[in-house]
């Protein structure tokens, strides 16, 4: 059973936020954290930088997490090679999660997920959580009636994006577990487009949209029913709405502590893909995003 939370650490504000998030998650799950720093060797005649600064970076980060999260076991590892290859390899055997940092877009909502992050997400089968720079523990909690958000209040809900045409147990189970760990509600969101003949007649289009929405809502309820029985302690809110799945997810994610989306594993010789909805959520959500690979 996977027992470690891996963090890609490069010393940036983004990776430090990812490490802090991972330590908080480790506390909820009673799991250890391993910081992984990858140095990409440069070709000769360029000399490699001395090992001291790199060792100091990882050591200081690990010591800082131990001090701020005394109940969490923190270890560190240095690797040499291509960052994508090494991070995917580090998460291959015993990782419950791989946590990466992402830069907030200046003047805009959301993330800028770099090429390394996107490549890692597309290649690994380990769930990947992307955390933006500036993410604070209090951001994941409800506002205190007497003041700003704090860690003393309850967690905001976990949001799960689900395609009921192809529901996957790995994805659904991950969403329920994250909600359970936080003792919070799970908001399950599915979006569906308008009926294909919408627009030919206003009344007919409206009726067809209503019927489609009801069918989708009924299907969502059927898919989630056994999971409700397995997790009676998790409050489930079903959200089936007409419109773009990405837009519906992003709307719900505004008030979430974590947004969970899926990535279908494609064993293609022409490269891996993240998927349009997941790609949109990764780039525009303002909360941590978990990407769960599934068949």
C-alpha atoms as a PDB file:
ATOM      1  CA  UNK A   1       0.000   0.000   0.000  1.00  0.00           C
ATOM      2  CA  UNK A   2       1.431   3.456  -0.886  1.00  0.00           C
ATOM      3  CA  UNK A   3       2.732   5.099   2.245  1.00  0.00           C
ATOM      4  CA  UNK A   4       4.677   8.251   1.275  1.00  0.00           C
ATOM      5  CA  UNK A   5       3.859  11.739   0.041  1.00  0.00           C
ATOM      6  CA  UNK A   6       6.523  12.888  -2.432  1.00  0.00           C
ATOM      7  CA  UNK A   7       7.263  16.579  -3.018  1.00  0.00           C
ATOM      8  CA  UNK A   8       9.211  17.998  -5.944  1.00  0.00           C
ATOM      9  CA  UNK A   9      11.452  20.635  -4.341  1.00  0.00           C
ATOM     10  CA  UNK A  10      13.534  23.189  -6.242  1.00  0.00           C
ATOM     11  CA  UNK A  11      13.749  25.996  -3.680  1.00  0.00           C
ATOM     12  CA  UNK A  12      11.145  28.214  -5.355  1.00  0.00           C
ATOM     13  CA  UNK A  13       8.197  29.765  -3.525  1.00  0.00           C
ATOM     14  CA  UNK A  14       5.973  27.401  -5.480  1.00  0.00           C
ATOM     15  CA  UNK A  15       7.760  24.268  -4.294  1.00  0.00           C
ATOM     16  CA  UNK A  16       7.894  25.558  -0.708  1.00  0.00           C
ATOM     17  CA  UNK A  17       4.109  26.022  -0.789  1.00  0.00           C
ATOM     18  CA  UNK A  18       3.815  22.481  -2.174  1.00  0.00           C
ATOM     19  CA  UNK A  19       5.985  21.135   0.657  1.00  0.00           C
ATOM     20  CA  UNK A  20       3.895  22.907   3.297  1.00  0.00           C
ATOM     21  CA  UNK A  21       0.688  21.564   1.760  1.00  0.00           C
ATOM     22  CA  UNK A  22       2.169  18.056   1.665  1.00  0.00           C
ATOM     23  CA  UNK A  23       3.071  18.253   5.349  1.00  0.00           C
ATOM     24  CA  UNK A  24      -0.481  19.271   6.241  1.00  0.00           C
ATOM     25  CA  UNK A  25      -1.855  16.429   4.105  1.00  0.00           C
ATOM     26  CA  UNK A  26       0.573  14.024   5.757  1.00  0.00           C
ATOM     27  CA  UNK A  27      -0.769  15.064   9.138  1.00  0.00           C
ATOM     28  CA  UNK A  28      -4.328  14.292   8.010  1.00  0.00           C
ATOM     29  CA  UNK A  29      -3.350  10.917   6.542  1.00  0.00           C
ATOM     30  CA  UNK A  30      -0.673   9.922   9.103  1.00  0.00           C
ATOM     31  CA  UNK A  31       1.891   9.491   6.315  1.00  0.00           C
ATOM     32  CA  UNK A  32       5.551  10.513   5.970  1.00  0.00           C
ATOM     33  CA  UNK A  33       6.830  13.138   3.519  1.00  0.00           C
ATOM     34  CA  UNK A  34       9.848  12.786   1.243  1.00  0.00           C
ATOM     35  CA  UNK A  35      11.327  15.883  -0.379  1.00  0.00           C
ATOM     36  CA  UNK A  36      12.926  15.162  -3.736  1.00  0.00           C
ATOM     37  CA  UNK A  37      15.338  17.647  -5.271  1.00  0.00           C
ATOM     38  CA  UNK A  38      16.492  16.947  -8.820  1.00  0.00           C
ATOM     39  CA  UNK A  39      19.644  18.458 -10.255  1.00  0.00           C
ATOM     40  CA  UNK A  40      19.873  18.296 -14.030  1.00  0.00           C
ATOM     41  CA  UNK A  41      23.562  17.867 -14.960  1.00  0.00           C
ATOM     42  CA  UNK A  42      24.914  20.290 -17.518  1.00  0.00           C
ATOM     43  CA  UNK A  43      27.206  19.187 -20.341  1.00  0.00           C
ATOM     44  CA  UNK A  44      30.941  19.815 -20.238  1.00  0.00           C
ATOM     45  CA  UNK A  45      32.811  22.120 -20.217  1.00  0.00           C
ATOM     46  CA  UNK A  46      30.216  23.723 -17.911  1.00  0.00           C
ATOM     47  CA  UNK A  47      31.073  22.639 -14.412  1.00  0.00           C
ATOM     48  CA  UNK A  48      28.465  21.313 -12.026  1.00  0.00           C
ATOM     49  CA  UNK A  49      27.723  23.621  -9.091  1.00  0.00           C
ATOM     50  CA  UNK A  50      29.078  22.555  -5.736  1.00  0.00           C
ATOM     51  CA  UNK A  51      26.963  20.052  -3.842  1.00  0.00           C
ATOM     52  CA  UNK A  52      26.861  22.139  -0.673  1.00  0.00           C
ATOM     53  CA  UNK A  53      24.156  24.655  -1.660  1.00  0.00           C
ATOM     54  CA  UNK A  54      21.882  21.926  -2.997  1.00  0.00           C
ATOM     55  CA  UNK A  55      22.333  19.828   0.128  1.00  0.00           C
ATOM     56  CA  UNK A  56      21.691  22.897   2.268  1.00  0.00           C
ATOM     57  CA  UNK A  57      18.480  23.699   0.385  1.00  0.00           C
ATOM     58  CA  UNK A  58      17.009  20.253   0.943  1.00  0.00           C
ATOM     59  CA  UNK A  59      18.251  19.974   4.520  1.00  0.00           C
ATOM     60  CA  UNK A  60      16.849  23.364   5.521  1.00  0.00           C
ATOM     61  CA  UNK A  61      13.502  22.647   3.904  1.00  0.00           C
ATOM     62  CA  UNK A  62      13.235  19.317   5.704  1.00  0.00           C
ATOM     63  CA  UNK A  63      14.198  20.855   9.054  1.00  0.00           C
ATOM     64  CA  UNK A  64      11.664  23.635   8.567  1.00  0.00           C
ATOM     65  CA  UNK A  65       8.857  21.150   7.934  1.00  0.00           C
ATOM     66  CA  UNK A  66       9.830  19.092  10.985  1.00  0.00           C
ATOM     67  CA  UNK A  67       9.664  22.179  13.178  1.00  0.00           C
ATOM     68  CA  UNK A  68       6.319  23.373  11.819  1.00  0.00           C
ATOM     69  CA  UNK A  69       4.796  19.863  11.702  1.00  0.00           C
ATOM     70  CA  UNK A  70       6.389  17.966  14.608  1.00  0.00           C
ATOM     71  CA  UNK A  71       4.157  14.928  14.178  1.00  0.00           C
ATOM     72  CA  UNK A  72       5.163  14.353  10.549  1.00  0.00           C
ATOM     73  CA  UNK A  73       8.163  12.282   9.505  1.00  0.00           C
ATOM     74  CA  UNK A  74      10.163  14.197   6.880  1.00  0.00           C
ATOM     75  CA  UNK A  75      13.038  12.825   4.814  1.00  0.00           C
ATOM     76  CA  UNK A  76      14.926  14.275   1.858  1.00  0.00           C
ATOM     77  CA  UNK A  77      16.503  12.870  -1.272  1.00  0.00           C
ATOM     78  CA  UNK A  78      18.696  14.324  -3.993  1.00  0.00           C
ATOM     79  CA  UNK A  79      18.726  12.975  -7.526  1.00  0.00           C
ATOM     80  CA  UNK A  80      20.569  13.804 -10.714  1.00  0.00           C
ATOM     81  CA  UNK A  81      18.935  13.545 -14.118  1.00  0.00           C
ATOM     82  CA  UNK A  82      15.997  14.964 -16.010  1.00  0.00           C
ATOM     83  CA  UNK A  83      13.431  16.411 -13.612  1.00  0.00           C
ATOM     84  CA  UNK A  84      10.430  14.747 -15.259  1.00  0.00           C
ATOM     85  CA  UNK A  85      12.055  11.315 -15.367  1.00  0.00           C
ATOM     86  CA  UNK A  86      13.299  11.472 -11.781  1.00  0.00           C
ATOM     87  CA  UNK A  87      10.029  12.734 -10.292  1.00  0.00           C
ATOM     88  CA  UNK A  88       8.013  10.084 -12.119  1.00  0.00           C
ATOM     89  CA  UNK A  89      10.477   7.436 -10.951  1.00  0.00           C
ATOM     90  CA  UNK A  90      10.425   8.691  -7.349  1.00  0.00           C
ATOM     91  CA  UNK A  91       6.636   8.367  -7.260  1.00  0.00           C
ATOM     92  CA  UNK A  92       6.539   4.967  -8.918  1.00  0.00           C
ATOM     93  CA  UNK A  93       6.911   2.578  -5.988  1.00  0.00           C
ATOM     94  CA  UNK A  94       5.636   3.778  -2.620  1.00  0.00           C
ATOM     95  CA  UNK A  95       3.970   7.130  -3.260  1.00  0.00           C
ATOM     96  CA  UNK A  96       0.447   7.937  -2.145  1.00  0.00           C
ATOM     97  CA  UNK A  97       0.732  11.399  -3.696  1.00  0.00           C
ATOM     98  CA  UNK A  98       3.166  13.488  -5.706  1.00  0.00           C
ATOM     99  CA  UNK A  99       2.925  17.207  -4.857  1.00  0.00           C
ATOM    100  CA  UNK A 100       4.204  19.940  -7.172  1.00  0.00           C
ATOM    101  CA  UNK A 101       4.229  23.717  -7.021  1.00  0.00           C
ATOM    102  CA  UNK A 102       2.825  26.042  -9.652  1.00  0.00           C
ATOM    103  CA  UNK A 103       3.224  29.752 -10.214  1.00  0.00           C
ATOM    104  CA  UNK A 104       0.157  31.979  -9.961  1.00  0.00           C
ATOM    105  CA  UNK A 105      -0.568  33.924 -13.130  1.00  0.00           C
ATOM    106  CA  UNK A 106       0.198  37.608 -12.657  1.00  0.00           C
ATOM    107  CA  UNK A 107      -2.990  39.678 -12.777  1.00  0.00           C
ATOM    108  CA  UNK A 108      -5.112  36.628 -13.601  1.00  0.00           C
ATOM    109  CA  UNK A 109      -6.841  33.851 -11.741  1.00  0.00           C
ATOM    110  CA  UNK A 110      -5.173  30.515 -11.474  1.00  0.00           C
ATOM    111  CA  UNK A 111      -1.987  28.623 -12.184  1.00  0.00           C
ATOM    112  CA  UNK A 112       0.743  28.544 -14.738  1.00  0.00           C
ATOM    113  CA  UNK A 113       1.570  24.845 -14.892  1.00  0.00           C
ATOM    114  CA  UNK A 114       5.029  24.587 -16.434  1.00  0.00           C
ATOM    115  CA  UNK A 115       6.263  22.020 -18.903  1.00  0.00           C
ATOM    116  CA  UNK A 116       7.799  19.841 -16.184  1.00  0.00           C
ATOM    117  CA  UNK A 117       4.583  19.779 -14.179  1.00  0.00           C
ATOM    118  CA  UNK A 118       2.424  18.985 -17.186  1.00  0.00           C
ATOM    119  CA  UNK A 119       4.775  16.242 -18.345  1.00  0.00           C
ATOM    120  CA  UNK A 120       4.859  14.639 -14.895  1.00  0.00           C
ATOM    121  CA  UNK A 121       1.062  14.711 -14.620  1.00  0.00           C
ATOM    122  CA  UNK A 122       0.725  13.167 -18.073  1.00  0.00           C
ATOM    123  CA  UNK A 123       3.188  10.343 -17.372  1.00  0.00           C
ATOM    124  CA  UNK A 124       2.712   9.236 -13.781  1.00  0.00           C
ATOM    125  CA  UNK A 125      -0.077   7.003 -12.530  1.00  0.00           C
ATOM    126  CA  UNK A 126       0.353   8.387  -9.000  1.00  0.00           C
ATOM    127  CA  UNK A 127      -2.170  11.093  -8.020  1.00  0.00           C
ATOM    128  CA  UNK A 128      -0.558  14.520  -8.472  1.00  0.00           C
ATOM    129  CA  UNK A 129      -1.525  17.585  -6.451  1.00  0.00           C
ATOM    130  CA  UNK A 130      -0.623  21.017  -7.826  1.00  0.00           C
ATOM    131  CA  UNK A 131      -0.286  23.830  -5.287  1.00  0.00           C
ATOM    132  CA  UNK A 132       0.137  27.473  -6.218  1.00  0.00           C
ATOM    133  CA  UNK A 133       2.617  29.827  -4.582  1.00  0.00           C
ATOM    134  CA  UNK A 134       1.086  31.742  -1.712  1.00  0.00           C
ATOM    135  CA  UNK A 135      -1.271  28.935  -0.700  1.00  0.00           C
ATOM    136  CA  UNK A 136      -1.837  29.128   3.067  1.00  0.00           C
ATOM    137  CA  UNK A 137      -3.375  26.600   5.426  1.00  0.00           C
ATOM    138  CA  UNK A 138      -6.124  29.042   6.386  1.00  0.00           C
ATOM    139  CA  UNK A 139      -7.195  29.320   2.746  1.00  0.00           C
ATOM    140  CA  UNK A 140      -8.581  25.790   2.946  1.00  0.00           C
ATOM    141  CA  UNK A 141     -10.864  26.598   5.879  1.00  0.00           C
ATOM    142  CA  UNK A 142     -14.194  28.358   6.252  1.00  0.00           C
ATOM    143  CA  UNK A 143     -14.173  31.986   7.410  1.00  0.00           C
ATOM    144  CA  UNK A 144     -14.283  32.530  11.127  1.00  0.00           C
ATOM    145  CA  UNK A 145     -17.459  34.468  12.030  1.00  0.00           C
ATOM    146  CA  UNK A 146     -15.300  36.625  14.257  1.00  0.00           C
ATOM    147  CA  UNK A 147     -12.578  37.266  11.685  1.00  0.00           C
ATOM    148  CA  UNK A 148     -10.653  35.971   8.665  1.00  0.00           C
ATOM    149  CA  UNK A 149     -10.228  32.268   7.814  1.00  0.00           C
ATOM    150  CA  UNK A 150      -8.081  30.284  10.208  1.00  0.00           C
ATOM    151  CA  UNK A 151      -7.032  26.695  10.741  1.00  0.00           C
ATOM    152  CA  UNK A 152      -9.398  26.575  13.730  1.00  0.00           C
ATOM    153  CA  UNK A 153     -12.505  26.484  11.520  1.00  0.00           C
ATOM    154  CA  UNK A 154     -13.857  23.567   9.499  1.00  0.00           C
ATOM    155  CA  UNK A 155     -12.441  22.700   6.096  1.00  0.00           C
ATOM    156  CA  UNK A 156     -14.099  23.985   2.971  1.00  0.00           C
ATOM    157  CA  UNK A 157     -15.659  21.180   0.883  1.00  0.00           C
ATOM    158  CA  UNK A 158     -13.750  18.941  -1.489  1.00  0.00           C
ATOM    159  CA  UNK A 159     -14.951  19.245  -5.096  1.00  0.00           C
ATOM    160  CA  UNK A 160     -14.891  16.202  -7.380  1.00  0.00           C
ATOM    161  CA  UNK A 161     -15.396  16.454 -11.129  1.00  0.00           C
ATOM    162  CA  UNK A 162     -17.080  13.323 -12.452  1.00  0.00           C
ATOM    163  CA  UNK A 163     -18.062  12.074 -15.895  1.00  0.00           C
ATOM    164  CA  UNK A 164     -20.991   9.730 -15.233  1.00  0.00           C
ATOM    165  CA  UNK A 165     -20.707   8.268 -18.725  1.00  0.00           C
ATOM    166  CA  UNK A 166     -17.370   6.777 -17.670  1.00  0.00           C
ATOM    167  CA  UNK A 167     -17.211   6.819 -13.863  1.00  0.00           C
ATOM    168  CA  UNK A 168     -14.068   5.404 -12.299  1.00  0.00           C
ATOM    169  CA  UNK A 169     -13.773   3.906  -8.818  1.00  0.00           C
ATOM    170  CA  UNK A 170     -10.202   5.129  -8.322  1.00  0.00           C
ATOM    171  CA  UNK A 171     -11.219   8.740  -8.915  1.00  0.00           C
ATOM    172  CA  UNK A 172     -14.406   8.565  -6.847  1.00  0.00           C
ATOM    173  CA  UNK A 173     -12.659   6.769  -3.996  1.00  0.00           C
ATOM    174  CA  UNK A 174      -9.915   9.406  -3.915  1.00  0.00           C
ATOM    175  CA  UNK A 175     -12.492  12.187  -3.632  1.00  0.00           C
ATOM    176  CA  UNK A 176     -14.338  10.476  -0.786  1.00  0.00           C
ATOM    177  CA  UNK A 177     -11.102   9.790   1.089  1.00  0.00           C
ATOM    178  CA  UNK A 178      -9.983  13.408   0.849  1.00  0.00           C
ATOM    179  CA  UNK A 179     -13.357  14.591   2.158  1.00  0.00           C
ATOM    180  CA  UNK A 180     -13.254  12.022   4.957  1.00  0.00           C
ATOM    181  CA  UNK A 181      -9.744  13.076   6.033  1.00  0.00           C
ATOM    182  CA  UNK A 182     -10.917  16.680   6.266  1.00  0.00           C
ATOM    183  CA  UNK A 183     -14.255  15.839   7.921  1.00  0.00           C
ATOM    184  CA  UNK A 184     -15.943  17.940   5.274  1.00  0.00           C
ATOM    185  CA  UNK A 185     -18.517  17.594   2.503  1.00  0.00           C
ATOM    186  CA  UNK A 186     -17.848  16.221  -0.963  1.00  0.00           C
ATOM    187  CA  UNK A 187     -19.386  18.250  -3.776  1.00  0.00           C
ATOM    188  CA  UNK A 188     -19.627  16.074  -6.893  1.00  0.00           C
ATOM    189  CA  UNK A 189     -19.946  18.127 -10.070  1.00  0.00           C
ATOM    190  CA  UNK A 190     -20.890  17.080 -13.574  1.00  0.00           C
ATOM    191  CA  UNK A 191     -21.576  19.439 -16.434  1.00  0.00           C
ATOM    192  CA  UNK A 192     -23.421  18.601 -19.611  1.00  0.00           C
ATOM    193  CA  UNK A 193     -23.919  20.556 -22.794  1.00  0.00           C
ATOM    194  CA  UNK A 194     -27.229  21.598 -24.253  1.00  0.00           C
ATOM    195  CA  UNK A 195     -29.206  19.127 -26.365  1.00  0.00           C
ATOM    196  CA  UNK A 196     -27.837  18.903 -29.934  1.00  0.00           C
ATOM    197  CA  UNK A 197     -30.974  20.487 -31.385  1.00  0.00           C
ATOM    198  CA  UNK A 198     -31.042  23.341 -28.884  1.00  0.00           C
ATOM    199  CA  UNK A 199     -31.731  26.638 -30.633  1.00  0.00           C
ATOM    200  CA  UNK A 200     -34.092  25.352 -33.292  1.00  0.00           C
ATOM    201  CA  UNK A 201     -37.026  26.192 -31.030  1.00  0.00           C
ATOM    202  CA  UNK A 202     -36.776  28.037 -27.718  1.00  0.00           C
ATOM    203  CA  UNK A 203     -39.473  26.061 -25.889  1.00  0.00           C
ATOM    204  CA  UNK A 204     -38.398  22.708 -27.311  1.00  0.00           C
ATOM    205  CA  UNK A 205     -34.780  23.480 -26.503  1.00  0.00           C
ATOM    206  CA  UNK A 206     -35.630  24.430 -22.930  1.00  0.00           C
ATOM    207  CA  UNK A 207     -37.673  21.245 -22.443  1.00  0.00           C
ATOM    208  CA  UNK A 208     -34.912  19.077 -23.896  1.00  0.00           C
ATOM    209  CA  UNK A 209     -32.310  20.728 -21.677  1.00  0.00           C
ATOM    210  CA  UNK A 210     -34.494  20.120 -18.611  1.00  0.00           C
ATOM    211  CA  UNK A 211     -34.931  16.487 -19.571  1.00  0.00           C
ATOM    212  CA  UNK A 212     -31.222  16.006 -20.189  1.00  0.00           C
ATOM    213  CA  UNK A 213     -30.362  17.609 -16.864  1.00  0.00           C
ATOM    214  CA  UNK A 214     -32.805  15.348 -15.027  1.00  0.00           C
ATOM    215  CA  UNK A 215     -31.376  12.275 -16.735  1.00  0.00           C
ATOM    216  CA  UNK A 216     -27.842  13.301 -15.857  1.00  0.00           C
ATOM    217  CA  UNK A 217     -28.833  14.026 -12.259  1.00  0.00           C
ATOM    218  CA  UNK A 218     -30.486  10.625 -11.949  1.00  0.00           C
ATOM    219  CA  UNK A 219     -27.403   8.939 -13.376  1.00  0.00           C
ATOM    220  CA  UNK A 220     -25.167  10.812 -10.952  1.00  0.00           C
ATOM    221  CA  UNK A 221     -27.304   9.669  -8.042  1.00  0.00           C
ATOM    222  CA  UNK A 222     -27.067   6.048  -9.217  1.00  0.00           C
ATOM    223  CA  UNK A 223     -23.290   6.190  -9.535  1.00  0.00           C
ATOM    224  CA  UNK A 224     -22.826   7.711  -6.076  1.00  0.00           C
ATOM    225  CA  UNK A 225     -25.364   5.589  -4.182  1.00  0.00           C
ATOM    226  CA  UNK A 226     -22.984   2.715  -3.286  1.00  0.00           C
ATOM    227  CA  UNK A 227     -20.321   5.223  -2.265  1.00  0.00           C
ATOM    228  CA  UNK A 228     -22.766   6.944   0.069  1.00  0.00           C
ATOM    229  CA  UNK A 229     -23.353   3.566   1.741  1.00  0.00           C
ATOM    230  CA  UNK A 230     -19.609   2.939   2.074  1.00  0.00           C
ATOM    231  CA  UNK A 231     -18.966   6.419   3.515  1.00  0.00           C
ATOM    232  CA  UNK A 232     -22.003   7.357   5.605  1.00  0.00           C
ATOM    233  CA  UNK A 233     -19.896   9.890   7.498  1.00  0.00           C
ATOM    234  CA  UNK A 234     -19.242  11.966   4.342  1.00  0.00           C
ATOM    235  CA  UNK A 235     -21.886  14.491   3.371  1.00  0.00           C
ATOM    236  CA  UNK A 236     -22.377  14.359  -0.401  1.00  0.00           C
ATOM    237  CA  UNK A 237     -23.773  17.223  -2.468  1.00  0.00           C
ATOM    238  CA  UNK A 238     -24.670  16.285  -6.042  1.00  0.00           C
ATOM    239  CA  UNK A 239     -24.335  19.099  -8.569  1.00  0.00           C
ATOM    240  CA  UNK A 240     -25.558  18.295 -12.082  1.00  0.00           C
ATOM    241  CA  UNK A 241     -25.839  21.380 -14.262  1.00  0.00           C
ATOM    242  CA  UNK A 242     -26.097  22.270 -17.903  1.00  0.00           C
ATOM    243  CA  UNK A 243     -22.977  23.904 -19.273  1.00  0.00           C
ATOM    244  CA  UNK A 244     -19.277  23.350 -19.808  1.00  0.00           C
ATOM    245  CA  UNK A 245     -17.881  20.756 -17.358  1.00  0.00           C
ATOM    246  CA  UNK A 246     -14.760  22.900 -16.865  1.00  0.00           C
ATOM    247  CA  UNK A 247     -16.804  26.031 -16.145  1.00  0.00           C
ATOM    248  CA  UNK A 248     -19.057  24.178 -13.690  1.00  0.00           C
ATOM    249  CA  UNK A 249     -16.025  22.757 -11.903  1.00  0.00           C
ATOM    250  CA  UNK A 250     -14.286  26.104 -11.691  1.00  0.00           C
ATOM    251  CA  UNK A 251     -17.441  27.718 -10.299  1.00  0.00           C
ATOM    252  CA  UNK A 252     -17.644  25.092  -7.563  1.00  0.00           C
ATOM    253  CA  UNK A 253     -13.896  25.224  -6.867  1.00  0.00           C
ATOM    254  CA  UNK A 254     -14.013  28.853  -5.750  1.00  0.00           C
ATOM    255  CA  UNK A 255     -15.169  27.761  -2.298  1.00  0.00           C
ATOM    256  CA  UNK A 256     -13.292  24.438  -2.095  1.00  0.00           C
ATOM    257  CA  UNK A 257     -10.315  23.265  -0.067  1.00  0.00           C
ATOM    258  CA  UNK A 258      -9.293  20.857  -2.846  1.00  0.00           C
ATOM    259  CA  UNK A 259     -10.523  20.125  -6.368  1.00  0.00           C
ATOM    260  CA  UNK A 260     -10.199  16.563  -7.681  1.00  0.00           C
ATOM    261  CA  UNK A 261     -10.199  15.759 -11.389  1.00  0.00           C
ATOM    262  CA  UNK A 262      -9.358  12.680 -13.425  1.00  0.00           C
ATOM    263  CA  UNK A 263      -6.926  11.894 -16.205  1.00  0.00           C
ATOM    264  CA  UNK A 264      -7.622   8.915 -18.389  1.00  0.00           C
ATOM    265  CA  UNK A 265      -4.482   6.851 -18.986  1.00  0.00           C
ATOM    266  CA  UNK A 266      -3.831   6.609 -22.712  1.00  0.00           C
ATOM    267  CA  UNK A 267      -1.279   4.029 -23.728  1.00  0.00           C
ATOM    268  CA  UNK A 268      -0.442   5.664 -27.017  1.00  0.00           C
ATOM    269  CA  UNK A 269       2.933   5.742 -28.791  1.00  0.00           C
ATOM    270  CA  UNK A 270       2.276   9.379 -29.670  1.00  0.00           C
ATOM    271  CA  UNK A 271       2.612  10.755 -26.169  1.00  0.00           C
ATOM    272  CA  UNK A 272       0.416  11.298 -23.113  1.00  0.00           C
ATOM    273  CA  UNK A 273      -2.370  13.802 -22.655  1.00  0.00           C
ATOM    274  CA  UNK A 274      -4.026  15.445 -19.666  1.00  0.00           C
ATOM    275  CA  UNK A 275      -7.478  16.053 -21.146  1.00  0.00           C
ATOM    276  CA  UNK A 276      -9.246  19.302 -21.961  1.00  0.00           C
ATOM    277  CA  UNK A 277     -11.307  19.634 -18.766  1.00  0.00           C
ATOM    278  CA  UNK A 278      -8.427  18.736 -16.460  1.00  0.00           C
ATOM    279  CA  UNK A 279      -6.113  21.058 -18.371  1.00  0.00           C
ATOM    280  CA  UNK A 280      -8.570  23.956 -17.954  1.00  0.00           C
ATOM    281  CA  UNK A 281      -9.037  23.304 -14.238  1.00  0.00           C
ATOM    282  CA  UNK A 282      -5.279  23.065 -13.668  1.00  0.00           C
ATOM    283  CA  UNK A 283      -4.693  26.426 -15.285  1.00  0.00           C
ATOM    284  CA  UNK A 284      -7.612  28.368 -13.831  1.00  0.00           C
ATOM    285  CA  UNK A 285      -8.472  26.976 -10.382  1.00  0.00           C
ATOM    286  CA  UNK A 286      -7.274  29.036  -7.435  1.00  0.00           C
ATOM    287  CA  UNK A 287      -7.166  26.123  -4.978  1.00  0.00           C
ATOM    288  CA  UNK A 288      -4.971  22.999  -4.909  1.00  0.00           C
ATOM    289  CA  UNK A 289      -5.905  20.556  -7.681  1.00  0.00           C
ATOM    290  CA  UNK A 290      -5.489  16.788  -7.475  1.00  0.00           C
ATOM    291  CA  UNK A 291      -5.209  14.900 -10.772  1.00  0.00           C
ATOM    292  CA  UNK A 292      -6.001  11.197 -10.464  1.00  0.00           C
ATOM    293  CA  UNK A 293      -4.963   8.891 -13.293  1.00  0.00           C
ATOM    294  CA  UNK A 294      -7.360   6.081 -14.118  1.00  0.00           C
ATOM    295  CA  UNK A 295      -8.202   3.620 -16.894  1.00  0.00           C
END
